[in-house]
Amino acid sequence: MDYPQIHDELIKFRNDRGWQKYHNLKDLALSLNLEASEVLEIFQWKDNDHKLSDKEQKHLEDEIADTLIYAFYMCDKLGVNPYDIIQSKLNVNNNRKWNFNDTK
């Protein structure tokens, strides 16, 4: 799927349920953060080298998808293409100087 197809499906899904009145930037930001917290919850109290079970991986994929969906809804409200703003940020990062040896 390309972005226009995903966008159209997300907007149809939202509109079919009458949720557009809840899709303001503040509420979308809150929802995005809540979904991102659910990503963290999958790893809570597990060792760094914990191997995800098939069930845990599916759960993680679902929570990442939920987070991306809210980010896409925010992009819709802002009138921006998420791929364009990702590229813009990559361009900024590519021109930054990173010093991983500095522990201060």
Protein backbone atom coordinates (compact mmCIF):
# COMPACT_ATOMS: atom_id res chain seq x y z
CA MET A 1 0.00 0.00 0.00
CA ASP A 2 1.15 3.51 -0.67
CA TYR A 3 0.43 6.50 1.55
CA PRO A 4 -2.62 7.81 -0.39
CA GLN A 5 -4.28 4.38 -0.09
CA ILE A 6 -3.52 4.14 3.64
CA HIS A 7 -4.70 7.71 4.16
CA ASP A 8 -7.99 7.07 2.37
CA GLU A 9 -8.65 3.88 4.34
CA LEU A 10 -7.87 5.56 7.66
CA ILE A 11 -10.15 8.51 6.91
CA LYS A 12 -12.96 6.20 5.76
CA PHE A 13 -12.56 4.06 8.92
CA ARG A 14 -12.67 7.19 11.11
CA ASN A 15 -15.60 8.78 9.29
CA ASP A 16 -17.66 5.56 9.18
CA ARG A 17 -17.55 5.58 13.00
CA GLY A 18 -18.18 9.29 13.39
CA TRP A 19 -14.89 9.82 15.20
CA GLN A 20 -13.77 12.90 13.28
CA LYS A 21 -15.01 15.19 16.09
CA TYR A 22 -12.48 13.53 18.41
CA HIS A 23 -9.62 13.86 15.97
CA ASN A 24 -8.14 17.17 17.05
CA LEU A 25 -4.38 17.53 17.45
CA LYS A 26 -4.46 17.43 21.27
CA ASP A 27 -6.51 14.24 21.50
CA LEU A 28 -4.55 12.60 18.71
CA ALA A 29 -1.27 13.45 20.48
CA LEU A 30 -2.60 11.96 23.71
CA SER A 31 -3.72 8.81 21.90
CA LEU A 32 -0.40 8.47 20.09
CA ASN A 33 1.42 8.70 23.42
CA LEU A 34 -0.87 6.13 25.04
CA GLU A 35 -0.29 3.68 22.20
CA ALA A 36 3.47 4.26 22.38
CA SER A 37 3.26 3.44 26.09
CA GLU A 38 1.64 0.14 25.17
CA VAL A 39 4.73 -0.62 23.08
CA LEU A 40 6.86 -0.11 26.19
CA GLU A 41 4.60 -2.30 28.29
CA ILE A 42 5.50 -5.33 26.15
CA PHE A 43 9.11 -5.01 27.33
CA GLN A 44 8.41 -4.09 30.95
CA TRP A 45 10.30 -6.30 33.43
CA LYS A 46 12.03 -8.29 30.68
CA ASP A 47 15.78 -8.62 30.21
CA ASN A 48 17.45 -6.71 27.36
CA ASP A 49 18.11 -9.95 25.49
CA HIS A 50 14.54 -11.29 25.90
CA LYS A 51 13.41 -13.08 22.74
CA LEU A 52 9.84 -12.18 21.85
CA SER A 53 7.40 -15.03 21.55
CA ASP A 54 5.22 -15.16 18.45
CA LYS A 55 2.33 -13.78 20.53
CA GLU A 56 4.50 -10.95 21.90
CA GLN A 57 5.76 -10.05 18.43
CA LYS A 58 2.21 -9.89 17.05
CA HIS A 59 1.19 -7.73 20.01
CA LEU A 60 4.18 -5.44 19.36
CA GLU A 61 3.33 -5.17 15.67
CA ASP A 62 -0.27 -4.24 16.54
CA GLU A 63 0.84 -1.55 19.00
CA ILE A 64 3.35 -0.11 16.52
CA ALA A 65 0.55 -0.01 13.93
CA ASP A 66 -1.75 1.80 16.39
CA THR A 67 1.00 4.34 17.06
CA LEU A 68 1.61 4.89 13.35
CA ILE A 69 -2.13 5.26 12.71
CA TYR A 70 -2.39 8.09 15.23
CA ALA A 71 0.73 9.71 13.76
CA PHE A 72 -0.88 9.48 10.29
CA TYR A 73 -4.09 11.05 11.63
CA MET A 74 -1.98 13.90 13.03
CA CYS A 75 -0.32 14.34 9.64
CA ASP A 76 -3.78 14.53 8.06
CA LYS A 77 -4.78 17.30 10.49
CA LEU A 78 -1.58 19.19 9.69
CA GLY A 79 -2.02 18.64 5.94
CA VAL A 80 1.40 17.02 5.54
CA ASN A 81 2.57 13.78 3.99
CA PRO A 82 4.38 11.73 6.67
CA TYR A 83 6.92 10.47 4.16
CA ASP A 84 7.82 14.06 3.26
CA ILE A 85 8.37 15.11 6.87
CA ILE A 86 10.41 11.96 7.54
CA GLN A 87 12.61 12.81 4.55
CA SER A 88 12.97 16.38 5.79
CA LYS A 89 14.04 15.18 9.24
CA LEU A 90 16.47 12.68 7.71
CA ASN A 91 18.01 15.55 5.76
CA VAL A 92 18.45 17.52 9.00
CA ASN A 93 19.95 14.50 10.78
CA ASN A 94 22.31 13.76 7.90
CA ASN A 95 23.82 17.21 8.34
CA ARG A 96 24.21 16.95 12.12
CA LYS A 97 27.43 16.01 13.82
CA TRP A 98 27.03 13.10 16.22
CA ASN A 99 29.58 12.49 18.96
CA PHE A 100 28.93 9.11 20.53
CA ASN A 101 32.25 9.15 22.38
CA ASP A 102 31.20 12.09 24.52
CA THR A 103 29.83 10.66 27.78
CA LYS A 104 29.34 14.03 29.50
